């Protein structure tokens, strides 16, 4: 449930992130990009207006250059004073105006009398005559009258019957600048279709020349007012960005306007590219979200699901052997490692708990058996004591008894001694259940057991041979009980070899346990004894043994968490001779055990 919730939260997070990105992009498009596009169009319109203005100014400069070159011509100075047809034929040919892309060449003397007048319509390619009669009150003549007395270049726009005229006038002077002004040279260029074509070619857009009437009909009242206020204005429709540049005459009145129809394809492409870019970013956001989801699902959610599933599996503590797969070196792998360590400890603790429960049950059984054995031994010892005393009295009365009585009484004493030995073993078995554990050294316990047996003479001429690595070998145990076990095993081996032979004792450390090998050179155990080797009252020494030594030793070792096994393989002794014999292996945990009272 938790993992599914995390997945849903992750999916909702990605969807919310995509939606938020889309809203942010729309907000950016509305607040920033739309304004930026509007500003971009305004900047573009300003550049077009500036370019158109520059073209018109360049046209005036070109005309001014031609006009000034003629004005400072010394021959022109003389011609104004004395007009000559030869000079007009040689120096003022009719092809000068068309070739110079001019529409008007006018020469006035210092009395404002027209000395030379030549007009040409570049659009219709024909010579024309401008109306310059002083009584005609034409705007061109009016402007000339106003600018005539000024001894410098004058440029202006004037209205003519052929349309707006870009006019430049220069005073006629000597080339060295000396002498008074002797008249004026006036040159002009009509703002006609050819001029419009040149403007359009210069700015690479469609250009139109509009008169005042055409201009007012093309613009709304608000647009007309905006144009009058700034001399430039732009509007747009679905296909074009229409840019207007208005030019005025010397009186400040509208002379004409140039309209440039700029194709909006570039702006549309930019807008589409921008929207495509935003859409690509949105798609990339979704794809990155999906990749992020897949990465998180693979690197986190699936592994957490596996951990959760296995945690549920082991929650009942029925199977603690389950382990979580550890891959990588990230935090999830560290978590899996920690959980595996915890499961391993729980498994070990559970195993120890089960062993302790098994030991407690066994201890209860052993305690009950010990109490029963002690009670039996106590109950048997009392009549045995009476029987032994009775036999002693009989022997005292029959000092020289012969025949069957002399044979029976010693036999009865021997059997009574054997029964007492059995009851003593039972009493020792009962004491096993009262033992306590402490930290000891198994090497020291073995050495003590060998020394006691050697000094007491209980093993006769039997030689104990120690081998294996030396050093302290710690173990949690009851040292007295283990010493009793080791002594029992060595005594049994010595009795099987009739007090002679060799007993090889070797300690091996195997993992968390010790293996103590006891191997003798005796005849070994018979097949019948091997079947019931650790059962009570099972002995191969006929009447000499009670058959409780291995049984008691077995249960003492079991109480220590170990075991005794019989290994019947041949053994190699100290001198390298291979002989058959009994080989018992006692296995004890290194630090396991229990505290029993």
Protein backbone atom coordinates (compact mmCIF):
# COMPACT_ATOMS: atom_id res chain seq x y z
CA UNK A 1 0.00 0.00 0.00
CA UNK A 2 2.79 2.43 0.91
CA UNK A 3 4.74 1.69 -2.27
CA UNK A 4 1.64 2.16 -4.43
CA UNK A 5 1.00 5.45 -2.66
CA UNK A 6 4.55 6.55 -3.43
CA UNK A 7 4.08 5.62 -7.08
CA UNK A 8 0.84 7.59 -7.28
CA UNK A 9 2.46 10.55 -5.61
CA UNK A 10 5.34 10.36 -8.07
CA UNK A 11 2.95 10.19 -11.05
CA UNK A 12 0.92 13.13 -9.72
CA UNK A 13 4.15 15.03 -9.09
CA UNK A 14 5.26 14.54 -12.72
CA UNK A 15 1.83 15.51 -14.08
CA UNK A 16 1.73 18.55 -11.80
CA UNK A 17 5.23 19.52 -12.87
CA UNK A 18 4.23 19.27 -16.54
CA UNK A 19 1.06 21.29 -15.97
CA UNK A 20 2.95 23.90 -13.96
CA UNK A 21 5.56 24.09 -16.73
CA UNK A 22 2.82 24.60 -19.33
CA UNK A 23 1.18 27.34 -17.25
CA UNK A 24 4.52 29.02 -16.65
CA UNK A 25 5.31 28.90 -20.36
CA UNK A 26 1.90 30.41 -21.20
CA UNK A 27 2.42 33.10 -18.58
CA UNK A 28 5.89 33.84 -19.94
CA UNK A 29 4.46 33.93 -23.46
CA UNK A 30 1.75 36.37 -22.37
CA UNK A 31 3.75 38.64 -20.09
CA UNK A 32 7.18 38.54 -21.66
CA UNK A 33 7.33 37.01 -25.10
CA UNK A 34 4.25 38.78 -26.48
CA UNK A 35 5.60 42.09 -25.25
CA UNK A 36 9.00 41.18 -26.63
CA UNK A 37 7.44 40.44 -30.02
CA UNK A 38 5.58 43.77 -29.91
CA UNK A 39 8.78 45.57 -29.00
CA UNK A 40 10.62 43.69 -31.72
CA UNK A 41 8.06 44.89 -34.28
CA UNK A 42 8.38 48.45 -32.95
CA UNK A 43 12.17 48.27 -33.21
CA UNK A 44 11.88 46.83 -36.71
CA UNK A 45 9.47 49.63 -37.68
CA UNK A 46 11.86 52.23 -36.26
CA UNK A 47 14.69 50.75 -38.29
CA UNK A 48 12.59 50.81 -41.45
CA UNK A 49 11.56 54.43 -40.78
CA UNK A 50 15.19 55.32 -40.13
CA UNK A 51 16.23 53.57 -43.33
CA UNK A 52 13.57 55.35 -45.40
CA UNK A 53 14.53 58.67 -43.86
CA UNK A 54 18.17 57.96 -44.62
CA UNK A 55 17.31 57.13 -48.25
CA UNK A 56 15.49 60.42 -48.65
CA UNK A 57 18.34 62.32 -46.99
CA UNK A 58 20.87 60.54 -49.21
CA UNK A 59 18.81 61.55 -52.21
CA UNK A 60 18.96 65.15 -51.06
CA UNK A 61 22.72 64.86 -50.51
CA UNK A 62 23.19 63.43 -54.02
CA UNK A 63 21.19 66.24 -55.54
CA UNK A 64 23.02 68.76 -53.34
CA UNK A 65 26.39 67.45 -54.57
CA UNK A 66 25.36 67.88 -58.22
CA UNK A 67 23.81 71.25 -57.50
CA UNK A 68 26.88 72.58 -55.68
CA UNK A 69 29.25 71.32 -58.42
CA UNK A 70 27.29 73.38 -60.97
CA UNK A 71 26.96 76.40 -58.70
CA UNK A 72 30.72 76.86 -58.26
CA UNK A 73 31.45 76.42 -61.95
CA UNK A 74 33.12 79.67 -63.17
CA UNK A 75 31.62 79.32 -66.63
CA UNK A 76 28.20 79.11 -64.96
CA UNK A 77 28.92 82.38 -63.16
CA UNK A 78 29.56 84.11 -66.50
CA UNK A 79 26.61 82.40 -68.17
CA UNK A 80 24.18 83.79 -65.61
CA UNK A 81 25.37 87.28 -66.36
CA UNK A 82 25.26 86.77 -70.15
CA UNK A 83 23.15 83.78 -71.22
CA UNK A 84 24.41 82.07 -74.35
CA UNK A 85 22.75 79.50 -76.57
CA UNK A 86 26.15 77.95 -77.34
CA UNK A 87 26.82 77.43 -73.67
CA UNK A 88 23.41 75.85 -73.26
CA UNK A 89 24.07 73.55 -76.19
CA UNK A 90 27.57 72.54 -75.05
CA UNK A 91 27.46 72.65 -71.23
CA UNK A 92 23.78 72.12 -70.51
CA UNK A 93 22.81 69.29 -72.86
CA UNK A 94 19.36 67.87 -72.60
CA UNK A 95 20.67 64.41 -71.59
CA UNK A 96 22.24 65.70 -68.35
CA UNK A 97 18.94 65.64 -66.46
CA UNK A 98 17.83 62.10 -67.41
CA UNK A 99 21.27 60.63 -66.90
CA UNK A 100 21.65 62.32 -63.48
CA UNK A 101 18.25 60.89 -62.44
CA UNK A 102 16.97 64.42 -61.94
CA UNK A 103 13.53 65.88 -62.55
CA UNK A 104 14.41 69.61 -62.59
CA UNK A 105 17.37 71.87 -63.41
CA UNK A 106 16.66 75.58 -62.90
CA UNK A 107 19.09 78.49 -63.13
CA UNK A 108 18.10 81.91 -61.80
CA UNK A 109 20.09 85.09 -62.03
CA UNK A 110 20.48 87.51 -59.15
CA UNK A 111 17.23 89.22 -60.15
CA UNK A 112 15.35 85.90 -59.82
CA UNK A 113 14.90 85.83 -63.55
CA UNK A 114 14.79 82.31 -64.97
CA UNK A 115 17.87 81.86 -67.16
CA UNK A 116 17.55 78.09 -67.78
CA UNK A 117 14.68 75.69 -67.13
CA UNK A 118 14.64 71.96 -67.93
CA UNK A 119 12.24 69.42 -66.53
CA UNK A 120 12.04 65.63 -66.97
CA UNK A 121 9.55 63.03 -65.76
CA UNK A 122 11.55 59.89 -64.99
CA UNK A 123 8.39 57.79 -64.67
CA UNK A 124 6.97 58.67 -68.13
CA UNK A 125 10.42 59.37 -69.61
CA UNK A 126 9.45 62.67 -71.19
CA UNK A 127 10.53 66.28 -70.82
CA UNK A 128 8.16 68.50 -68.92
CA UNK A 129 7.78 72.15 -67.97
CA UNK A 130 7.20 73.11 -64.33
CA UNK A 131 4.94 76.09 -63.79
CA UNK A 132 7.23 78.73 -62.29
CA UNK A 133 5.28 81.88 -63.20
CA UNK A 134 5.55 84.34 -60.28
CA UNK A 135 1.86 85.06 -60.65
CA UNK A 136 0.92 81.43 -60.57
CA UNK A 137 1.51 81.32 -56.82
CA UNK A 138 2.81 77.74 -57.15
CA UNK A 139 4.25 76.35 -53.99
CA UNK A 140 7.63 75.68 -55.70
CA UNK A 141 8.01 79.29 -56.73
CA UNK A 142 6.92 80.44 -53.30
CA UNK A 143 9.62 78.36 -51.66
CA UNK A 144 12.25 79.65 -54.09
CA UNK A 145 11.31 83.18 -53.25
CA UNK A 146 11.77 82.49 -49.57
CA UNK A 147 15.14 80.76 -49.89
CA UNK A 148 16.64 82.85 -52.71
CA UNK A 149 18.45 85.52 -50.62
CA UNK A 150 20.19 82.95 -48.39
CA UNK A 151 23.82 82.37 -49.45
CA UNK A 152 23.90 78.61 -48.57
CA UNK A 153 22.52 75.30 -49.73
CA UNK A 154 18.79 74.92 -49.18
CA UNK A 155 16.87 71.66 -49.32
CA UNK A 156 13.10 71.37 -49.05
CA UNK A 157 10.08 69.50 -50.31
CA UNK A 158 7.56 71.33 -52.40
CA UNK A 159 4.31 70.52 -54.14
CA UNK A 160 4.13 70.59 -57.95
CA UNK A 161 1.58 69.70 -60.56
CA UNK A 162 3.60 66.48 -61.13
CA UNK A 163 3.78 65.52 -57.47
CA UNK A 164 6.10 66.07 -54.50
CA UNK A 165 9.53 67.38 -55.45
CA UNK A 166 12.74 67.00 -53.47
CA UNK A 167 14.49 70.31 -54.17
CA UNK A 168 18.00 71.61 -53.46
CA UNK A 169 19.16 75.16 -54.29
CA UNK A 170 22.73 76.48 -54.14
CA UNK A 171 24.07 80.03 -54.64
CA UNK A 172 26.11 80.59 -57.83
CA UNK A 173 29.62 81.62 -56.76
CA UNK A 174 33.13 81.70 -58.18
CA UNK A 175 35.01 78.46 -57.60
CA UNK A 176 37.44 80.33 -55.34
CA UNK A 177 34.54 81.64 -53.25
CA UNK A 178 35.23 85.31 -54.17
CA UNK A 179 32.70 87.73 -55.46
CA UNK A 180 29.00 88.19 -54.70
CA UNK A 181 26.28 85.60 -55.29
CA UNK A 182 25.32 85.82 -58.97
CA UNK A 183 22.11 83.76 -58.81
CA UNK A 184 20.96 80.24 -57.79
CA UNK A 185 21.00 76.78 -59.24
CA UNK A 186 17.95 74.71 -58.36
CA UNK A 187 17.80 70.91 -58.86
CA UNK A 188 15.05 68.51 -57.87
CA UNK A 189 13.79 64.94 -58.02
CA UNK A 190 10.14 63.99 -58.20
CA UNK A 191 8.90 61.44 -55.64
CA UNK A 192 7.41 59.22 -58.32
CA UNK A 193 7.18 55.51 -59.08
CA UNK A 194 10.85 55.13 -60.01
CA UNK A 195 11.79 56.81 -56.75
CA UNK A 196 9.44 54.43 -54.92
CA UNK A 197 11.06 51.45 -56.65
CA UNK A 198 14.47 52.63 -55.57
CA UNK A 199 13.28 52.95 -51.97
CA UNK A 200 11.80 49.44 -52.07
CA UNK A 201 15.00 47.98 -53.54
CA UNK A 202 17.07 49.67 -50.87
CA UNK A 203 15.07 48.26 -47.96
CA UNK A 204 14.15 44.95 -49.67
CA UNK A 205 10.46 45.42 -48.97
CA UNK A 206 7.41 46.63 -50.89
CA UNK A 207 7.19 50.46 -50.80
CA UNK A 208 4.34 52.81 -51.77
CA UNK A 209 4.13 56.60 -52.18
CA UNK A 210 0.99 58.11 -50.73
CA UNK A 211 -0.39 61.57 -51.17
CA UNK A 212 -2.14 63.36 -48.35
CA UNK A 213 -5.52 62.28 -49.64
CA UNK A 214 -4.46 58.64 -50.01
CA UNK A 215 -2.82 58.72 -46.62
CA UNK A 216 -5.92 59.99 -44.82
CA UNK A 217 -8.12 57.43 -46.51
CA UNK A 218 -5.74 54.58 -45.58
CA UNK A 219 -5.54 55.46 -41.88
CA UNK A 220 -8.10 55.52 -39.14
CA UNK A 221 -8.54 58.83 -37.31
CA UNK A 222 -6.49 57.62 -34.34
CA UNK A 223 -3.72 56.36 -36.59
CA UNK A 224 -3.73 59.63 -38.54
CA UNK A 225 -3.33 61.60 -35.31
CA UNK A 226 -0.50 59.30 -34.21
CA UNK A 227 1.24 59.81 -37.54
CA UNK A 228 0.92 63.60 -37.32
CA UNK A 229 2.39 63.50 -33.82
CA UNK A 230 5.55 61.52 -34.63
CA UNK A 231 5.79 61.53 -38.47
CA UNK A 232 5.91 57.70 -38.32
CA UNK A 233 3.47 54.97 -37.46
CA UNK A 234 2.99 51.25 -38.00
CA UNK A 235 0.04 48.87 -38.01
CA UNK A 236 -0.30 45.22 -38.87
CA UNK A 237 -2.69 42.74 -40.37
CA UNK A 238 -2.41 38.99 -40.90
CA UNK A 239 0.21 39.29 -43.68
CA UNK A 240 2.02 42.62 -43.44
CA UNK A 241 3.51 45.05 -41.02
CA UNK A 242 2.61 48.43 -42.57
CA UNK A 243 5.10 51.16 -41.70
CA UNK A 244 4.38 54.81 -42.55
CA UNK A 245 6.95 57.62 -42.80
CA UNK A 246 5.55 61.09 -43.45
CA UNK A 247 7.55 63.98 -44.99
CA UNK A 248 6.64 67.64 -44.64
CA UNK A 249 7.27 70.75 -46.74
CA UNK A 250 8.91 73.94 -45.47
CA UNK A 251 5.56 75.13 -44.11
CA UNK A 252 5.29 72.01 -41.95
CA UNK A 253 2.44 70.61 -43.99
CA UNK A 254 2.24 67.00 -45.13
CA UNK A 255 3.84 66.64 -48.53
CA UNK A 256 3.81 62.87 -49.03
CA UNK A 257 4.36 59.61 -47.16
CA UNK A 258 6.17 56.38 -47.88
CA UNK A 259 4.47 53.19 -46.77
CA UNK A 260 6.53 50.02 -46.45
CA UNK A 261 4.64 46.72 -46.40
CA UNK A 262 7.00 44.40 -44.51
CA UNK A 263 6.26 40.71 -44.82
CA UNK A 264 5.41 39.20 -41.41
CA UNK A 265 6.67 35.76 -42.39
CA UNK A 266 9.84 36.26 -40.37
CA UNK A 267 7.88 37.26 -37.29
CA UNK A 268 5.47 34.37 -37.78
CA UNK A 269 8.36 31.96 -38.15
CA UNK A 270 9.93 33.33 -35.00
CA UNK A 271 6.63 33.02 -33.17
CA UNK A 272 6.10 29.47 -34.43
CA UNK A 273 9.69 28.59 -33.58
CA UNK A 274 9.22 30.01 -30.10
CA UNK A 275 5.97 28.14 -29.56
CA UNK A 276 7.57 24.98 -30.94
CA UNK A 277 10.44 25.54 -28.55
CA UNK A 278 8.02 25.88 -25.64
CA UNK A 279 6.16 22.75 -26.78
CA UNK A 280 9.49 20.91 -27.07
CA UNK A 281 10.41 21.99 -23.56
CA UNK A 282 7.03 20.75 -22.30
CA UNK A 283 7.47 17.42 -24.08
CA UNK A 284 11.03 17.15 -22.77
CA UNK A 285 9.72 17.89 -19.27
CA UNK A 286 7.21 15.04 -19.59
CA UNK A 287 9.86 12.70 -21.04
CA UNK A 288 12.32 13.62 -18.32
CA UNK A 289 9.55 13.06 -15.79
CA UNK A 290 8.89 9.60 -17.24
CA UNK A 291 12.61 8.82 -17.25
CA UNK A 292 12.83 10.09 -13.68
CA UNK A 293 9.83 7.93 -12.76
CA UNK A 294 11.40 4.86 -14.37
CA UNK A 295 14.70 5.55 -12.64
CA UNK A 296 13.06 6.04 -9.23
CA UNK A 297 10.86 2.99 -9.79
CA UNK A 298 13.83 0.83 -10.69
CA UNK A 299 16.33 2.22 -8.20
CA UNK A 300 13.99 2.82 -5.27
CA UNK A 301 10.37 1.67 -5.45
CA UNK A 302 10.98 -1.88 -6.73
CA UNK A 303 13.72 -2.44 -4.21
CA UNK A 304 11.55 -1.07 -1.43
CA UNK A 305 8.75 -3.37 -2.62
CA UNK A 306 11.12 -6.33 -2.46
CA UNK A 307 12.21 -5.29 1.03
CA UNK A 308 8.58 -4.89 2.14
CA UNK A 309 7.57 -8.26 0.67
CA UNK A 310 10.42 -10.08 2.37
CA UNK A 311 9.83 -8.18 5.61
CA UNK A 312 6.24 -9.47 5.58
CA UNK A 313 7.58 -12.96 4.89
CA UNK A 314 9.80 -12.91 7.97
CA UNK A 315 7.40 -10.97 10.21
CA UNK A 316 6.09 -14.22 11.69
CA UNK A 317 9.70 -15.33 12.48
CA UNK A 318 8.82 -18.66 10.86
CA UNK A 319 11.58 -18.35 8.25
CA UNK A 320 14.51 -16.06 9.01
CA UNK A 321 16.73 -17.47 6.28
CA UNK A 322 15.33 -15.00 3.72
CA UNK A 323 17.87 -12.44 2.53
CA UNK A 324 17.42 -9.22 0.54
CA UNK A 325 19.46 -8.84 -2.63
CA UNK A 326 22.24 -6.28 -2.23
CA UNK A 327 23.30 -4.49 -5.42
CA UNK A 328 25.20 -1.24 -5.67
CA UNK A 329 26.58 0.99 -2.97
CA UNK A 330 23.71 3.38 -2.37
CA UNK A 331 21.51 3.96 0.66
CA UNK A 332 19.01 1.24 -0.36
CA UNK A 333 21.84 -1.30 -0.59
CA UNK A 334 23.04 -0.16 2.82
CA UNK A 335 19.49 -0.58 4.14
CA UNK A 336 19.31 -4.08 2.61
CA UNK A 337 22.68 -4.90 4.17
CA UNK A 338 21.52 -3.67 7.57
CA UNK A 339 18.28 -5.66 7.30
CA UNK A 340 20.23 -8.77 6.24
CA UNK A 341 22.53 -8.28 9.22
CA UNK A 342 19.50 -7.91 11.46
CA UNK A 343 17.91 -11.04 9.94
CA UNK A 344 21.15 -12.95 10.43
CA UNK A 345 21.29 -11.90 14.05
CA UNK A 346 17.62 -12.73 14.50
CA UNK A 347 18.18 -16.10 12.88
CA UNK A 348 21.12 -16.81 15.17
CA UNK A 349 19.16 -15.55 18.17
CA UNK A 350 16.17 -17.64 17.15
CA UNK A 351 18.40 -20.68 16.71
CA UNK A 352 19.94 -20.09 20.11
CA UNK A 353 16.49 -19.57 21.55
CA UNK A 354 15.30 -22.85 20.09
CA UNK A 355 18.43 -24.56 21.35
CA UNK A 356 17.87 -23.04 24.77
CA UNK A 357 14.27 -24.21 24.73
CA UNK A 358 15.47 -27.64 23.69
CA UNK A 359 18.06 -27.56 26.45
CA UNK A 360 15.48 -26.44 28.99
CA UNK A 361 13.22 -29.32 28.00
CA UNK A 362 16.20 -31.66 28.08
CA UNK A 363 17.33 -30.22 31.41
CA UNK A 364 13.86 -30.74 32.81
CA UNK A 365 13.95 -34.32 31.61
CA UNK A 366 17.48 -34.77 32.93
CA UNK A 367 16.54 -33.14 36.19
CA UNK A 368 13.55 -35.41 36.54
CA UNK A 369 15.66 -38.39 35.56
CA UNK A 370 18.39 -37.27 37.96
CA UNK A 371 15.95 -36.91 40.80
CA UNK A 372 14.50 -40.32 39.96
CA UNK A 373 18.00 -41.78 39.76
CA UNK A 374 18.96 -40.19 43.07
CA UNK A 375 15.80 -41.52 44.70
CA UNK A 376 16.39 -44.98 43.26
CA UNK A 377 20.02 -44.92 44.40
CA UNK A 378 18.98 -43.77 47.85
CA UNK A 379 16.27 -46.40 48.13
CA UNK A 380 18.61 -49.13 46.86
CA UNK A 381 21.55 -48.12 49.05
CA UNK A 382 19.62 -48.61 52.28
CA UNK A 383 18.75 -52.31 51.72
CA UNK A 384 22.20 -52.85 50.18
CA UNK A 385 23.76 -51.50 53.35
CA UNK A 386 21.62 -53.94 55.40
CA UNK A 387 22.48 -56.83 53.07
CA UNK A 388 26.19 -56.03 53.23
CA UNK A 389 26.09 -55.90 57.04
CA UNK A 390 24.20 -59.20 57.12
CA UNK A 391 26.79 -60.87 54.90
CA UNK A 392 29.56 -59.47 57.11
CA UNK A 393 27.85 -60.99 60.20
CA UNK A 394 27.46 -64.31 58.41
CA UNK A 395 31.12 -64.29 57.42
CA UNK A 396 32.04 -63.54 61.02
CA UNK A 397 30.02 -66.47 62.23
CA UNK A 398 31.33 -68.77 59.54
CA UNK A 399 35.00 -68.06 59.57
CA UNK A 400 36.03 -71.37 58.14
CA UNK A 401 33.06 -71.94 55.91
CA UNK A 402 33.76 -74.20 53.02
CA UNK A 403 31.92 -75.71 50.13
CA UNK A 404 29.22 -73.70 48.42
CA UNK A 405 28.90 -71.18 51.26
CA UNK A 406 32.58 -70.24 50.94
CA UNK A 407 32.05 -69.53 47.24
CA UNK A 408 28.69 -67.76 47.47
CA UNK A 409 29.58 -65.20 50.13
CA UNK A 410 32.49 -63.59 48.20
CA UNK A 411 30.30 -63.54 45.07
CA UNK A 412 27.54 -61.78 47.00
CA UNK A 413 30.02 -59.18 48.26
CA UNK A 414 31.28 -58.50 44.74
CA UNK A 415 27.78 -58.04 43.37
CA UNK A 416 26.84 -55.77 46.25
CA UNK A 417 29.95 -53.66 45.43
CA UNK A 418 28.88 -53.56 41.79
CA UNK A 419 25.39 -52.42 42.69
CA UNK A 420 26.87 -49.70 44.93
CA UNK A 421 29.01 -48.54 42.03
CA UNK A 422 25.90 -48.31 39.87
CA UNK A 423 24.03 -46.30 42.51
CA UNK A 424 27.05 -44.01 42.88
CA UNK A 425 26.95 -43.39 39.13
CA UNK A 426 23.25 -42.62 39.40
CA UNK A 427 23.97 -40.13 42.17
CA UNK A 428 26.63 -38.50 39.96
CA UNK A 429 24.10 -38.31 37.13
CA UNK A 430 21.71 -36.47 39.43
CA UNK A 431 24.38 -33.90 40.27
CA UNK A 432 24.79 -33.04 36.56
CA UNK A 433 21.53 -31.14 36.63
CA UNK A 434 22.82 -28.69 39.26
CA UNK A 435 25.85 -27.45 37.29
CA UNK A 436 26.64 -23.82 36.41
CA UNK A 437 28.70 -22.37 33.51
CA UNK A 438 31.63 -19.98 33.43
CA UNK A 439 34.45 -18.91 31.11
CA UNK A 440 37.21 -21.55 31.09
CA UNK A 441 40.09 -22.89 29.02
CA UNK A 442 39.52 -26.27 27.44
CA UNK A 443 43.27 -26.94 27.24
CA UNK A 444 43.58 -26.47 31.01
CA UNK A 445 40.60 -28.78 31.65
CA UNK A 446 42.19 -31.55 29.54
CA UNK A 447 45.57 -31.11 31.23
CA UNK A 448 43.98 -31.31 34.70
CA UNK A 449 42.04 -34.45 33.75
CA UNK A 450 45.24 -36.14 32.49
CA UNK A 451 47.22 -35.14 35.61
CA UNK A 452 44.52 -36.48 37.99
CA UNK A 453 44.36 -39.81 36.16
CA UNK A 454 48.14 -40.16 36.03
CA UNK A 455 48.68 -39.35 39.71
CA UNK A 456 45.76 -41.48 40.97
CA UNK A 457 46.90 -44.50 39.02
CA UNK A 458 43.41 -45.09 37.59
CA UNK A 459 44.71 -45.70 34.06
CA UNK A 460 47.67 -47.92 34.94
CA UNK A 461 50.35 -47.89 32.19
CA UNK A 462 48.16 -46.17 29.60
CA UNK A 463 50.01 -43.32 27.86
CA UNK A 464 48.12 -40.11 27.02
CA UNK A 465 49.49 -38.43 23.86
CA UNK A 466 48.53 -34.78 23.27
CA UNK A 467 48.75 -33.15 19.82
CA UNK A 468 47.31 -30.23 17.91
CA UNK A 469 47.92 -26.42 18.06
CA UNK A 470 48.73 -25.02 21.46
CA UNK A 471 47.39 -21.86 23.04
CA UNK A 472 44.43 -20.79 25.09
CA UNK A 473 41.06 -22.03 23.84
CA UNK A 474 38.25 -20.21 25.66
CA UNK A 475 34.89 -21.88 26.23
CA UNK A 476 31.79 -21.23 28.32
CA UNK A 477 31.20 -24.40 30.33
CA UNK A 478 31.11 -26.20 33.66
CA UNK A 479 34.78 -27.21 33.97
CA UNK A 480 34.12 -29.92 36.57
CA UNK A 481 31.55 -31.62 34.34
CA UNK A 482 33.84 -31.46 31.27
CA UNK A 483 36.73 -32.82 33.36
CA UNK A 484 34.48 -35.71 34.42
CA UNK A 485 33.62 -36.38 30.74
CA UNK A 486 37.29 -36.33 29.65
CA UNK A 487 38.30 -38.59 32.54
CA UNK A 488 35.46 -41.03 31.76
CA UNK A 489 36.50 -41.28 28.11
CA UNK A 490 40.19 -41.82 28.98
CA UNK A 491 39.34 -44.37 31.75
CA UNK A 492 37.02 -46.28 29.37
CA UNK A 493 39.82 -46.39 26.78
CA UNK A 494 42.36 -47.52 29.42
CA UNK A 495 40.06 -50.25 30.73
CA UNK A 496 39.42 -51.44 27.14
CA UNK A 497 43.22 -51.74 26.70
CA UNK A 498 43.66 -53.49 30.13
CA UNK A 499 45.59 -50.58 31.60
CA UNK A 500 48.09 -50.29 28.74
CA UNK A 501 48.25 -48.88 25.18
CA UNK A 502 47.96 -45.28 24.07
CA UNK A 503 45.20 -42.68 24.03
CA UNK A 504 45.71 -39.86 21.50
CA UNK A 505 43.98 -36.62 22.42
CA UNK A 506 43.79 -33.83 19.79
CA UNK A 507 41.88 -30.53 19.77
CA UNK A 508 40.88 -28.95 16.44
CA UNK A 509 39.20 -25.58 16.03
CA UNK A 510 36.49 -25.72 13.35
CA UNK A 511 34.61 -22.47 12.84
CA UNK A 512 32.89 -21.58 16.10
CA UNK A 513 33.37 -25.02 17.64
CA UNK A 514 36.05 -27.30 19.05
CA UNK A 515 36.48 -30.94 18.05
CA UNK A 516 38.26 -32.99 20.79
CA UNK A 517 39.39 -36.36 19.42
CA UNK A 518 39.93 -39.33 21.77
CA UNK A 519 41.47 -42.29 19.95
CA UNK A 520 42.87 -45.43 21.60
CA UNK A 521 44.73 -48.51 20.37
CA UNK A 522 42.29 -50.96 21.87
CA UNK A 523 39.90 -53.39 20.23
CA UNK A 524 37.18 -50.77 19.68
CA UNK A 525 33.45 -51.26 20.18
CA UNK A 526 31.54 -54.31 19.02
CA UNK A 527 28.71 -53.91 16.52
CA UNK A 528 26.15 -54.62 19.24
CA UNK A 529 27.55 -51.94 21.54
CA UNK A 530 27.82 -49.38 18.69
CA UNK A 531 24.09 -49.59 18.06
CA UNK A 532 23.31 -48.50 21.65
CA UNK A 533 26.56 -46.77 22.52
CA UNK A 534 25.06 -43.78 24.33
CA UNK A 535 22.17 -45.61 26.00
CA UNK A 536 22.28 -46.30 29.76
CA UNK A 537 23.53 -49.66 31.11
CA UNK A 538 25.21 -50.47 27.80
CA UNK A 539 28.73 -51.75 28.48
CA UNK A 540 31.27 -53.90 26.68
CA UNK A 541 33.23 -54.68 29.90
CA UNK A 542 30.87 -57.42 31.07
CA UNK A 543 30.57 -57.29 34.85
CA UNK A 544 33.26 -54.65 35.31
CA UNK A 545 31.18 -51.69 34.11
CA UNK A 546 27.78 -50.27 34.95
CA UNK A 547 27.18 -48.91 31.41
CA UNK A 548 26.45 -45.35 32.62
CA UNK A 549 29.76 -43.57 31.87
CA UNK A 550 29.14 -42.74 28.19
CA UNK A 551 25.46 -42.07 28.86
CA UNK A 552 26.24 -39.51 31.56
CA UNK A 553 29.07 -38.01 29.45
CA UNK A 554 26.76 -37.75 26.45
CA UNK A 555 24.17 -35.75 28.40
CA UNK A 556 26.78 -33.50 29.97
CA UNK A 557 28.08 -32.60 26.49
CA UNK A 558 24.51 -32.09 25.23
CA UNK A 559 23.91 -29.66 28.11
CA UNK A 560 26.90 -27.68 26.83
CA UNK A 561 25.33 -27.39 23.37
CA UNK A 562 27.64 -29.99 21.80
CA UNK A 563 27.64 -33.67 20.97
CA UNK A 564 29.67 -36.89 20.97
CA UNK A 565 30.09 -38.98 17.83
CA UNK A 566 31.82 -42.28 17.16
CA UNK A 567 34.34 -42.27 14.30
CA UNK A 568 35.45 -45.78 13.47
CA UNK A 569 38.06 -44.82 10.86
CA UNK A 570 41.63 -46.01 11.51
CA UNK A 571 43.85 -43.49 13.30
CA UNK A 572 47.51 -42.62 12.89
CA UNK A 573 49.32 -42.56 16.26
CA UNK A 574 52.46 -40.80 17.37
CA UNK A 575 54.90 -43.22 15.71
CA UNK A 576 52.93 -43.40 12.45
CA UNK A 577 51.51 -46.91 13.04
CA UNK A 578 47.95 -47.40 11.86
CA UNK A 579 45.85 -49.54 14.20
CA UNK A 580 42.15 -50.13 14.77
CA UNK A 581 40.60 -48.68 17.95
CA UNK A 582 37.81 -46.58 19.36
CA UNK A 583 37.68 -42.99 18.09
CA UNK A 584 35.26 -40.66 19.88
CA UNK A 585 34.90 -37.00 18.87
CA UNK A 586 33.52 -34.48 21.37
CA UNK A 587 32.20 -31.28 19.71
CA UNK A 588 31.73 -28.17 21.88
CA UNK A 589 30.69 -24.64 20.87
CA UNK A 590 33.43 -22.10 21.59
CA UNK A 591 31.35 -19.67 23.66
CA UNK A 592 27.87 -21.12 23.78
CA UNK A 593 26.29 -22.59 26.83
CA UNK A 594 23.74 -21.85 29.48
CA UNK A 595 23.49 -20.98 33.10
CA UNK A 596 21.49 -23.57 34.90
CA UNK A 597 20.54 -23.92 38.52
